[in-house]
Amino acid sequence: MDFTLEHSYNDAKERWETDISGEIDIFTSDIMKGKFLALIEEKKADIYINCQKLEYIDSTALGALVAVLKNVKNYNGSVHLLNIRPNLAKLFKITNLDKVFIIE
C-alpha cells in the first residue's frame, strides 16, 4: 500500500495542514520527505500532520520526518503530529522522538 499526502495552507492560522494516510517505508519515505520540503519551500510555516489514517511507518520514514523537522527548525518552526495511532505513538516513544515532535 502506498501513501497519500493531502495539504493546504491555512492563512488564518498561518500553517500547513496535512493529512497523511497509508504506509510509509523505505520505498516511499524519500517521496514523502520531498513533498514536505516542497511545502516549506513554498511557504515557511509550522506543519500540522493529521496521522489518523497513517497505518505504518518504518525507520526510514522516521528519518525522513526528522529531516523535515530539521528544515522547519531552521526558521524556528515546528512539526505537530495529530491523531497518531497507539502503535505509531509507541514507536515515537521508544525512539524518544516524542520529545522532538509535538504530538497532540
N, C-alpha and C. Protein backbone atom coordinates (compact mmCIF):
# COMPACT_ATOMS: atom_id res chain seq x y z
N MET A 1 0.85 -1.19 0.00
CA MET A 1 0.00 0.00 0.00
C MET A 1 0.88 1.24 0.00
N ASP A 2 0.53 2.17 -0.83
CA ASP A 2 1.25 3.43 -0.88
C ASP A 2 0.68 4.39 0.15
N PHE A 3 1.15 5.61 0.06
CA PHE A 3 0.65 6.63 0.97
C PHE A 3 0.12 7.80 0.15
N THR A 4 -0.72 8.59 0.77
CA THR A 4 -1.17 9.82 0.16
C THR A 4 -0.91 10.96 1.13
N LEU A 5 -0.64 12.11 0.57
CA LEU A 5 -0.40 13.31 1.37
C LEU A 5 -1.22 14.44 0.78
N GLU A 6 -2.24 14.84 1.49
CA GLU A 6 -3.06 15.98 1.09
C GLU A 6 -2.65 17.17 1.94
N HIS A 7 -2.66 18.35 1.36
CA HIS A 7 -2.18 19.52 2.10
C HIS A 7 -2.93 20.77 1.68
N SER A 8 -2.97 21.69 2.61
CA SER A 8 -3.50 23.02 2.33
C SER A 8 -2.84 23.99 3.30
N TYR A 9 -2.74 25.22 2.87
CA TYR A 9 -2.19 26.24 3.75
C TYR A 9 -3.35 26.99 4.39
N ASN A 10 -3.35 27.06 5.71
CA ASN A 10 -4.39 27.77 6.46
C ASN A 10 -3.89 29.19 6.68
N ASP A 11 -4.41 30.13 5.90
CA ASP A 11 -3.98 31.53 6.00
C ASP A 11 -4.30 32.13 7.36
N ALA A 12 -5.45 31.79 7.91
CA ALA A 12 -5.86 32.36 9.19
C ALA A 12 -4.92 31.95 10.32
N LYS A 13 -4.48 30.69 10.29
CA LYS A 13 -3.60 30.18 11.35
C LYS A 13 -2.13 30.18 10.94
N GLU A 14 -1.87 30.55 9.68
CA GLU A 14 -0.51 30.64 9.14
C GLU A 14 0.26 29.34 9.36
N ARG A 15 -0.30 28.24 8.84
CA ARG A 15 0.35 26.94 8.99
C ARG A 15 -0.11 26.00 7.87
N TRP A 16 0.74 25.00 7.62
CA TRP A 16 0.39 23.94 6.69
C TRP A 16 -0.43 22.90 7.45
N GLU A 17 -1.52 22.48 6.87
CA GLU A 17 -2.34 21.42 7.44
C GLU A 17 -2.34 20.27 6.45
N THR A 18 -1.86 19.12 6.89
CA THR A 18 -1.72 17.97 6.01
C THR A 18 -2.42 16.76 6.58
N ASP A 19 -2.85 15.89 5.70
CA ASP A 19 -3.41 14.59 6.05
C ASP A 19 -2.57 13.54 5.34
N ILE A 20 -2.07 12.60 6.11
CA ILE A 20 -1.24 11.56 5.53
C ILE A 20 -1.91 10.22 5.82
N SER A 21 -1.95 9.35 4.82
CA SER A 21 -2.60 8.06 5.00
C SER A 21 -1.80 6.97 4.31
N GLY A 22 -2.04 5.74 4.74
CA GLY A 22 -1.37 4.60 4.13
C GLY A 22 -0.14 4.17 4.91
N GLU A 23 0.88 3.75 4.16
CA GLU A 23 2.11 3.24 4.74
C GLU A 23 3.31 3.99 4.16
N ILE A 24 4.25 4.32 5.03
CA ILE A 24 5.48 4.97 4.58
C ILE A 24 6.64 4.07 4.99
N ASP A 25 7.41 3.66 3.99
CA ASP A 25 8.52 2.76 4.25
C ASP A 25 9.72 3.16 3.39
N ILE A 26 10.67 2.27 3.28
CA ILE A 26 11.90 2.57 2.55
C ILE A 26 11.64 2.99 1.10
N PHE A 27 10.55 2.51 0.53
CA PHE A 27 10.25 2.81 -0.87
C PHE A 27 9.56 4.16 -1.06
N THR A 28 8.93 4.67 0.00
CA THR A 28 8.14 5.90 -0.16
C THR A 28 8.60 7.04 0.75
N SER A 29 9.54 6.78 1.64
CA SER A 29 9.93 7.83 2.60
C SER A 29 10.58 9.03 1.92
N ASP A 30 11.39 8.79 0.88
CA ASP A 30 12.00 9.93 0.18
C ASP A 30 10.97 10.77 -0.55
N ILE A 31 9.94 10.13 -1.06
CA ILE A 31 8.87 10.86 -1.74
C ILE A 31 8.14 11.75 -0.74
N MET A 32 7.83 11.17 0.43
CA MET A 32 7.16 11.94 1.48
C MET A 32 8.01 13.13 1.89
N LYS A 33 9.29 12.89 2.13
CA LYS A 33 10.19 13.97 2.54
C LYS A 33 10.22 15.07 1.48
N GLY A 34 10.31 14.69 0.23
CA GLY A 34 10.33 15.66 -0.86
C GLY A 34 9.08 16.51 -0.90
N LYS A 35 7.93 15.89 -0.65
CA LYS A 35 6.67 16.65 -0.66
C LYS A 35 6.63 17.67 0.47
N PHE A 36 7.08 17.26 1.67
CA PHE A 36 7.10 18.21 2.78
C PHE A 36 8.11 19.32 2.54
N LEU A 37 9.27 18.99 2.01
CA LEU A 37 10.28 20.03 1.74
C LEU A 37 9.79 21.01 0.68
N ALA A 38 9.02 20.52 -0.28
CA ALA A 38 8.44 21.41 -1.30
C ALA A 38 7.44 22.38 -0.66
N LEU A 39 6.68 21.89 0.31
CA LEU A 39 5.73 22.77 1.00
C LEU A 39 6.45 23.91 1.71
N ILE A 40 7.52 23.57 2.45
CA ILE A 40 8.20 24.63 3.20
C ILE A 40 9.02 25.54 2.30
N GLU A 41 9.35 25.07 1.10
CA GLU A 41 9.97 25.97 0.13
C GLU A 41 8.94 26.99 -0.36
N GLU A 42 7.72 26.52 -0.51
CA GLU A 42 6.65 27.40 -0.97
C GLU A 42 6.30 28.45 0.10
N LYS A 43 6.19 28.00 1.36
CA LYS A 43 5.84 28.92 2.44
C LYS A 43 6.39 28.36 3.75
N LYS A 44 7.27 29.10 4.37
CA LYS A 44 7.86 28.66 5.63
C LYS A 44 6.86 28.85 6.76
N ALA A 45 6.38 27.73 7.30
CA ALA A 45 5.35 27.77 8.34
C ALA A 45 5.39 26.46 9.11
N ASP A 46 4.71 26.45 10.26
CA ASP A 46 4.57 25.21 11.01
C ASP A 46 3.81 24.20 10.16
N ILE A 47 4.08 22.92 10.43
CA ILE A 47 3.39 21.85 9.72
C ILE A 47 2.59 21.02 10.72
N TYR A 48 1.32 20.87 10.44
CA TYR A 48 0.43 20.03 11.24
C TYR A 48 0.09 18.80 10.40
N ILE A 49 0.44 17.62 10.90
CA ILE A 49 0.24 16.38 10.17
C ILE A 49 -0.83 15.55 10.87
N ASN A 50 -1.96 15.39 10.22
CA ASN A 50 -3.02 14.53 10.75
C ASN A 50 -2.66 13.09 10.38
N CYS A 51 -2.38 12.27 11.39
CA CYS A 51 -1.92 10.90 11.19
C CYS A 51 -3.03 9.87 11.40
N GLN A 52 -4.26 10.31 11.43
CA GLN A 52 -5.38 9.42 11.74
C GLN A 52 -5.44 8.22 10.80
N LYS A 53 -5.11 8.41 9.54
CA LYS A 53 -5.19 7.32 8.55
C LYS A 53 -3.81 6.74 8.21
N LEU A 54 -2.79 7.14 8.95
CA LEU A 54 -1.45 6.58 8.75
C LEU A 54 -1.39 5.23 9.44
N GLU A 55 -1.13 4.19 8.68
CA GLU A 55 -1.17 2.83 9.22
C GLU A 55 0.19 2.29 9.64
N TYR A 56 1.24 2.71 8.93
CA TYR A 56 2.56 2.10 9.19
C TYR A 56 3.66 3.07 8.80
N ILE A 57 4.71 3.12 9.60
CA ILE A 57 5.94 3.81 9.23
C ILE A 57 7.11 2.95 9.69
N ASP A 58 8.21 3.03 8.97
CA ASP A 58 9.41 2.31 9.39
C ASP A 58 10.50 3.32 9.74
N SER A 59 11.68 2.80 10.00
CA SER A 59 12.77 3.68 10.45
C SER A 59 13.18 4.70 9.39
N THR A 60 13.08 4.33 8.12
CA THR A 60 13.43 5.31 7.08
C THR A 60 12.42 6.46 7.06
N ALA A 61 11.16 6.15 7.34
CA ALA A 61 10.14 7.19 7.42
C ALA A 61 10.40 8.10 8.61
N LEU A 62 10.80 7.52 9.73
CA LEU A 62 11.15 8.34 10.90
C LEU A 62 12.31 9.27 10.55
N GLY A 63 13.31 8.74 9.87
CA GLY A 63 14.45 9.56 9.45
C GLY A 63 14.03 10.69 8.53
N ALA A 64 13.10 10.40 7.63
CA ALA A 64 12.61 11.43 6.72
C ALA A 64 11.86 12.52 7.48
N LEU A 65 11.06 12.12 8.46
CA LEU A 65 10.36 13.11 9.28
C LEU A 65 11.33 13.97 10.08
N VAL A 66 12.39 13.36 10.57
CA VAL A 66 13.41 14.13 11.31
C VAL A 66 14.08 15.13 10.36
N ALA A 67 14.35 14.72 9.13
CA ALA A 67 14.95 15.64 8.16
C ALA A 67 14.02 16.81 7.87
N VAL A 68 12.73 16.55 7.77
CA VAL A 68 11.76 17.63 7.57
C VAL A 68 11.77 18.55 8.79
N LEU A 69 11.78 17.97 9.97
CA LEU A 69 11.80 18.77 11.20
C LEU A 69 13.03 19.67 11.26
N LYS A 70 14.18 19.14 10.88
CA LYS A 70 15.41 19.95 10.89
C LYS A 70 15.26 21.16 9.97
N ASN A 71 14.67 20.96 8.81
CA ASN A 71 14.45 22.07 7.89
C ASN A 71 13.49 23.09 8.47
N VAL A 72 12.44 22.61 9.12
CA VAL A 72 11.46 23.51 9.72
C VAL A 72 12.09 24.29 10.89
N LYS A 73 12.95 23.64 11.64
CA LYS A 73 13.62 24.29 12.77
C LYS A 73 14.55 25.40 12.30
N ASN A 74 15.02 25.34 11.06
CA ASN A 74 15.90 26.39 10.52
C ASN A 74 15.23 27.76 10.53
N TYR A 75 13.91 27.79 10.47
CA TYR A 75 13.20 29.07 10.56
C TYR A 75 12.32 29.12 11.81
N ASN A 76 12.73 28.37 12.84
CA ASN A 76 12.06 28.35 14.15
C ASN A 76 10.62 27.86 14.08
N GLY A 77 10.33 26.99 13.13
CA GLY A 77 9.01 26.39 13.02
C GLY A 77 8.93 25.10 13.82
N SER A 78 7.77 24.45 13.75
CA SER A 78 7.58 23.19 14.46
C SER A 78 6.72 22.24 13.62
N VAL A 79 6.83 20.96 13.96
CA VAL A 79 6.03 19.92 13.32
C VAL A 79 5.14 19.30 14.38
N HIS A 80 3.85 19.28 14.12
CA HIS A 80 2.87 18.73 15.05
C HIS A 80 2.27 17.47 14.44
N LEU A 81 2.23 16.41 15.22
CA LEU A 81 1.60 15.16 14.78
C LEU A 81 0.28 15.01 15.52
N LEU A 82 -0.80 14.92 14.77
CA LEU A 82 -2.15 14.86 15.34
C LEU A 82 -2.76 13.48 15.12
N ASN A 83 -3.59 13.06 16.06
CA ASN A 83 -4.38 11.83 15.92
C ASN A 83 -3.51 10.61 15.58
N ILE A 84 -2.39 10.50 16.24
CA ILE A 84 -1.48 9.40 15.95
C ILE A 84 -1.99 8.11 16.61
N ARG A 85 -1.96 7.03 15.88
CA ARG A 85 -2.45 5.74 16.39
C ARG A 85 -1.54 5.23 17.50
N PRO A 86 -2.10 4.45 18.42
CA PRO A 86 -1.30 3.95 19.55
C PRO A 86 -0.05 3.18 19.15
N ASN A 87 -0.13 2.35 18.10
CA ASN A 87 1.05 1.58 17.70
C ASN A 87 2.15 2.49 17.16
N LEU A 88 1.78 3.58 16.49
CA LEU A 88 2.78 4.52 15.98
C LEU A 88 3.28 5.42 17.11
N ALA A 89 2.40 5.78 18.02
CA ALA A 89 2.82 6.58 19.18
C ALA A 89 3.88 5.82 19.99
N LYS A 90 3.70 4.52 20.09
CA LYS A 90 4.67 3.68 20.81
C LYS A 90 6.03 3.74 20.12
N LEU A 91 6.04 3.72 18.80
CA LEU A 91 7.30 3.80 18.05
C LEU A 91 8.01 5.13 18.31
N PHE A 92 7.25 6.23 18.34
CA PHE A 92 7.84 7.53 18.63
C PHE A 92 8.38 7.57 20.05
N LYS A 93 7.68 6.92 20.98
CA LYS A 93 8.12 6.91 22.37
C LYS A 93 9.39 6.07 22.54
N ILE A 94 9.44 4.90 21.91
CA ILE A 94 10.61 4.01 22.00
C ILE A 94 11.86 4.70 21.47
N THR A 95 11.69 5.48 20.41
CA THR A 95 12.83 6.15 19.77
C THR A 95 13.11 7.53 20.36
N ASN A 96 12.34 7.91 21.39
CA ASN A 96 12.43 9.23 22.03
C ASN A 96 12.08 10.39 21.09
N LEU A 97 11.48 10.10 19.97
CA LEU A 97 11.07 11.17 19.06
C LEU A 97 9.82 11.88 19.56
N ASP A 98 9.18 11.31 20.57
CA ASP A 98 8.03 12.00 21.18
C ASP A 98 8.48 13.25 21.91
N LYS A 99 9.78 13.36 22.17
CA LYS A 99 10.34 14.55 22.81
C LYS A 99 10.76 15.60 21.78
N VAL A 100 10.80 15.22 20.51
CA VAL A 100 11.27 16.10 19.45
C VAL A 100 10.09 16.70 18.68
N PHE A 101 9.12 15.85 18.37
CA PHE A 101 7.92 16.29 17.66
C PHE A 101 6.87 16.68 18.70
N ILE A 102 5.97 17.55 18.30
CA ILE A 102 4.84 17.90 19.16
C ILE A 102 3.71 16.94 18.79
N ILE A 103 3.40 16.04 19.72
CA ILE A 103 2.37 15.04 19.48
C ILE A 103 1.11 15.45 20.24
N GLU A 104 0.05 15.64 19.47
CA GLU A 104 -1.22 16.09 20.05
C GLU A 104 -2.27 15.02 19.88
